Protein backbone atom coordinates (compact mmCIF):
# COMPACT_ATOMS: atom_id res chain seq x y z
CA MET A 1 0.21 0.05 -0.05
CA GLN A 2 1.27 3.22 -1.05
CA ILE A 3 0.02 6.70 -0.03
CA LYS A 4 1.40 9.68 -2.36
CA LYS A 5 1.43 13.36 -1.81
CA LYS A 6 1.03 15.55 -4.92
CA GLU A 7 4.02 17.69 -5.28
CA ASP A 8 1.75 20.89 -5.16
CA GLY A 9 0.46 19.63 -1.62
CA LYS A 10 -3.18 19.17 -2.40
CA LEU A 11 -4.48 15.45 -3.37
CA HIS A 12 -3.69 12.29 -1.62
CA THR A 13 -3.47 8.86 -3.05
CA LEU A 14 -4.21 5.32 -2.21
CA LEU A 15 -3.47 2.59 -4.43
CA GLY A 16 -3.50 5.47 -7.33
CA LEU A 17 -7.19 6.51 -6.09
CA THR A 18 -7.82 9.95 -4.41
CA TRP A 19 -9.27 10.26 -1.04
CA GLY A 20 -12.68 11.70 -3.14
CA GLU A 21 -12.58 8.72 -5.38
CA TRP A 22 -12.58 6.00 -2.31
CA ALA A 23 -14.78 8.09 -0.51
CA SER A 24 -17.35 7.45 -3.73
CA ILE A 25 -16.18 4.00 -4.27
CA THR A 26 -17.46 3.12 -0.80
CA THR A 27 -20.88 5.14 -0.77
CA ILE A 28 -21.78 3.13 -4.19
CA ILE A 29 -20.97 -0.08 -2.76
CA ILE A 30 -22.73 0.79 0.88
CA PHE A 31 -25.76 1.88 -1.35
CA MET A 32 -25.52 -1.26 -3.36
CA ALA A 33 -25.46 -2.96 -0.01
CA GLY A 34 -28.52 -1.17 1.28
CA VAL A 35 -30.60 -2.08 -2.24
CA VAL A 36 -29.61 -5.65 -2.01
CA SER A 37 -30.69 -5.73 1.30
CA LEU A 38 -34.23 -4.25 1.16
CA LEU A 39 -34.73 -6.41 -2.06
CA PHE A 40 -33.66 -9.34 -0.09
CA LYS A 41 -35.97 -8.84 2.88
CA TYR A 42 -38.82 -8.00 0.74
CA ILE A 43 -38.64 -10.83 -1.67
CA VAL A 44 -37.38 -13.64 -0.03
CA PHE A 45 -38.76 -12.85 3.60
CA GLY A 46 -41.93 -11.11 2.21
CA SER A 47 -43.77 -14.47 2.00
CA PHE A 48 -42.31 -15.74 5.03
CA GLN A 49 -44.12 -12.89 7.03
CA ASP A 50 -47.40 -13.70 5.26
CA ASP A 51 -47.24 -17.16 6.80
CA ILE A 52 -45.70 -15.98 10.15
CA LYS A 53 -48.90 -13.87 10.48
CA ASP A 54 -51.11 -16.78 9.44
CA LEU A 55 -49.60 -18.91 12.13
CA ASN A 56 -50.05 -16.18 14.85
CA ARG A 57 -53.81 -16.69 13.97
CA ASN A 58 -53.72 -19.89 14.04
CA PHE A 59 -52.20 -19.95 17.64
CA LYS A 60 -54.52 -17.29 18.80
CA THR A 61 -57.69 -19.31 17.29
CA LEU A 62 -55.94 -22.69 19.07
CA ASN A 63 -55.49 -20.69 22.44
CA ASP A 64 -59.16 -19.22 22.52
CA ASN A 65 -60.72 -22.88 21.66
CA LEU A 66 -58.42 -24.52 24.42
CA ARG A 67 -59.68 -21.70 26.61
CA GLU A 68 -63.54 -23.02 25.88
CA ILE A 69 -62.58 -26.35 25.85
CA ARG A 70 -61.58 -25.85 29.38
CA ILE A 71 -64.34 -23.78 30.51
CA SER A 72 -66.28 -26.79 29.04
CA ILE A 73 -64.70 -28.97 31.36
CA ALA A 74 -65.08 -27.04 34.21
CA GLU A 75 -68.83 -27.19 33.77
CA LEU A 76 -68.87 -30.83 32.96
CA ASP A 77 -66.95 -31.46 36.46
CA LYS A 78 -69.45 -29.45 38.19
CA ARG A 79 -72.41 -31.48 36.70
CA LEU A 80 -70.77 -34.67 37.28
CA ASP A 81 -70.18 -33.76 40.98
CA GLU A 82 -73.99 -32.97 41.05
CA HIS A 83 -74.75 -36.36 39.40
CA ASP A 84 -72.61 -38.13 41.95
CA ARG A 85 -74.15 -36.59 44.66
CA ARG A 86 -77.67 -37.74 43.50
CA LEU A 87 -76.68 -41.03 42.52
CA ASP A 88 -75.33 -41.12 46.20
CA ARG A 89 -78.73 -39.72 47.37
CA HIS A 90 -80.56 -42.14 45.30
CA HIS A 91 -78.32 -45.04 46.31
CA GLU A 92 -78.74 -44.48 50.08
CA ARG A 93 -82.67 -44.42 49.45
CA ILE A 94 -82.49 -47.72 47.63
CA LYS A 95 -80.20 -49.08 50.17
CA ASP A 96 -83.18 -47.82 53.28
CA LEU A 97 -86.00 -49.31 51.40
CA HIS A 98 -83.97 -52.39 50.64
CA ASP A 99 -83.47 -52.46 54.75
CA LYS A 100 -86.82 -51.64 55.28
CA ILE A 101 -88.27 -54.77 53.12
CA ARG A 102 -85.69 -56.91 54.62
CA GLY A 103 -86.32 -56.05 58.07
CA GLY A 104 -89.95 -56.12 57.44
CA ASN A 105 -89.98 -59.56 56.51
């Protein structure tokens, strides 16, 4: 790498190019990288974004369904408990009737 100073003292060069030329080349490279990055983002990842949105909606729907199922299970548990109590009462009544019939003989 060689840095030269022009004899008039105004321009510096690096590998035969002035600092202004290097700045221009760097600017062009950075601009092109930005354009490629944006194209990559919208073309490649654009379809993935729609899929991710659909997946999020599906998860929300699934969570809502699970919440409804939990509520239904809780309601069924309450009903089952009530039926168990009623069945126990019926069993006791049948037992009492059976004891009365057996005891009456």
